[in-house]
Amino acid sequence: MELYLILKIIFVIGILVALYAILRNLDIIKIILIYFKDKLFRK
């Protein structure tokens, strides 16, 4: 039972870290898209 609980906690932490990483990457992707859009419209 204790081992199951530990594995469950590790699993939840892993999901939270993965979601955080995805959200951070989405912000970076958004910034890159905005930058390219500005470069295109300036020409």
N, C-alpha and C. Protein backbone atom coordinates (compact mmCIF):
# COMPACT_ATOMS: atom_id res chain seq x y z
N MET A 1 0.83 -1.20 0.00
CA MET A 1 0.00 0.00 0.00
C MET A 1 0.87 1.26 0.00
N GLU A 2 1.94 1.27 0.81
CA GLU A 2 2.82 2.43 0.88
C GLU A 2 3.51 2.67 -0.47
N LEU A 3 3.97 1.59 -1.09
CA LEU A 3 4.64 1.70 -2.39
C LEU A 3 3.68 2.28 -3.43
N TYR A 4 2.43 1.84 -3.41
CA TYR A 4 1.41 2.33 -4.35
C TYR A 4 1.22 3.83 -4.16
N LEU A 5 1.16 4.27 -2.92
CA LEU A 5 0.97 5.70 -2.61
C LEU A 5 2.16 6.52 -3.12
N ILE A 6 3.37 6.03 -2.90
CA ILE A 6 4.57 6.73 -3.37
C ILE A 6 4.57 6.83 -4.89
N LEU A 7 4.22 5.73 -5.57
CA LEU A 7 4.17 5.74 -7.04
C LEU A 7 3.12 6.73 -7.54
N LYS A 8 1.97 6.79 -6.85
CA LYS A 8 0.91 7.71 -7.22
C LYS A 8 1.38 9.16 -7.08
N ILE A 9 2.08 9.47 -6.00
CA ILE A 9 2.60 10.82 -5.77
C ILE A 9 3.60 11.19 -6.86
N ILE A 10 4.52 10.27 -7.17
CA ILE A 10 5.53 10.52 -8.22
C ILE A 10 4.83 10.76 -9.56
N PHE A 11 3.79 9.97 -9.85
CA PHE A 11 3.04 10.09 -11.09
C PHE A 11 2.38 11.47 -11.20
N VAL A 12 1.75 11.93 -10.12
CA VAL A 12 1.08 13.23 -10.11
C VAL A 12 2.10 14.35 -10.29
N ILE A 13 3.23 14.27 -9.60
CA ILE A 13 4.28 15.28 -9.73
C ILE A 13 4.79 15.31 -11.18
N GLY A 14 4.98 14.15 -11.77
CA GLY A 14 5.43 14.05 -13.16
C GLY A 14 4.45 14.74 -14.11
N ILE A 15 3.15 14.53 -13.91
CA ILE A 15 2.13 15.17 -14.76
C ILE A 15 2.20 16.68 -14.60
N LEU A 16 2.32 17.17 -13.36
CA LEU A 16 2.38 18.61 -13.11
C LEU A 16 3.61 19.23 -13.78
N VAL A 17 4.75 18.56 -13.67
CA VAL A 17 5.98 19.06 -14.30
C VAL A 17 5.82 19.08 -15.82
N ALA A 18 5.22 18.04 -16.39
CA ALA A 18 5.01 17.97 -17.84
C ALA A 18 4.08 19.10 -18.30
N LEU A 19 2.99 19.33 -17.57
CA LEU A 19 2.06 20.40 -17.93
C LEU A 19 2.76 21.75 -17.86
N TYR A 20 3.55 21.95 -16.80
CA TYR A 20 4.29 23.22 -16.65
C TYR A 20 5.24 23.43 -17.83
N ALA A 21 5.95 22.37 -18.22
CA ALA A 21 6.90 22.46 -19.33
C ALA A 21 6.16 22.79 -20.63
N ILE A 22 5.00 22.15 -20.84
CA ILE A 22 4.21 22.41 -22.06
C ILE A 22 3.73 23.86 -22.09
N LEU A 23 3.25 24.35 -20.94
CA LEU A 23 2.77 25.74 -20.88
C LEU A 23 3.91 26.72 -21.14
N ARG A 24 5.07 26.45 -20.58
CA ARG A 24 6.24 27.31 -20.81
C ARG A 24 6.59 27.32 -22.30
N ASN A 25 6.57 26.14 -22.92
CA ASN A 25 6.90 26.04 -24.34
C ASN A 25 5.86 26.76 -25.20
N LEU A 26 4.58 26.71 -24.79
CA LEU A 26 3.55 27.42 -25.54
C LEU A 26 3.82 28.92 -25.51
N ASP A 27 4.24 29.45 -24.35
CA ASP A 27 4.57 30.87 -24.25
C ASP A 27 5.71 31.21 -25.20
N ILE A 28 6.74 30.37 -25.23
CA ILE A 28 7.89 30.61 -26.10
C ILE A 28 7.46 30.56 -27.57
N ILE A 29 6.62 29.59 -27.92
CA ILE A 29 6.12 29.46 -29.30
C ILE A 29 5.32 30.70 -29.68
N LYS A 30 4.48 31.19 -28.76
CA LYS A 30 3.68 32.39 -29.01
C LYS A 30 4.57 33.59 -29.28
N ILE A 31 5.62 33.76 -28.47
CA ILE A 31 6.54 34.88 -28.65
C ILE A 31 7.22 34.80 -30.02
N ILE A 32 7.64 33.60 -30.41
CA ILE A 32 8.30 33.41 -31.71
C ILE A 32 7.33 33.74 -32.85
N LEU A 33 6.07 33.29 -32.73
CA LEU A 33 5.08 33.57 -33.78
C LEU A 33 4.82 35.06 -33.90
N ILE A 34 4.69 35.75 -32.77
CA ILE A 34 4.46 37.21 -32.77
C ILE A 34 5.64 37.91 -33.43
N TYR A 35 6.85 37.47 -33.12
CA TYR A 35 8.07 38.06 -33.70
C TYR A 35 8.08 37.91 -35.23
N PHE A 36 7.78 36.69 -35.72
CA PHE A 36 7.75 36.46 -37.16
C PHE A 36 6.64 37.27 -37.83
N LYS A 37 5.48 37.36 -37.18
CA LYS A 37 4.36 38.13 -37.71
C LYS A 37 4.75 39.59 -37.86
N ASP A 38 5.41 40.16 -36.85
CA ASP A 38 5.87 41.55 -36.92
C ASP A 38 6.87 41.73 -38.06
N LYS A 39 7.79 40.79 -38.24
CA LYS A 39 8.79 40.88 -39.31
C LYS A 39 8.10 40.86 -40.68
N LEU A 40 7.08 40.01 -40.83
CA LEU A 40 6.37 39.91 -42.12
C LEU A 40 5.61 41.18 -42.43
N PHE A 41 4.89 41.73 -41.43
CA PHE A 41 4.04 42.89 -41.68
C PHE A 41 4.84 44.18 -41.84
N ARG A 42 6.07 44.21 -41.39
CA ARG A 42 6.89 45.43 -41.54
C ARG A 42 7.37 45.62 -42.96
N LYS A 43 7.48 44.53 -43.71
CA LYS A 43 8.02 44.62 -45.08
C LYS A 43 7.00 45.22 -46.04
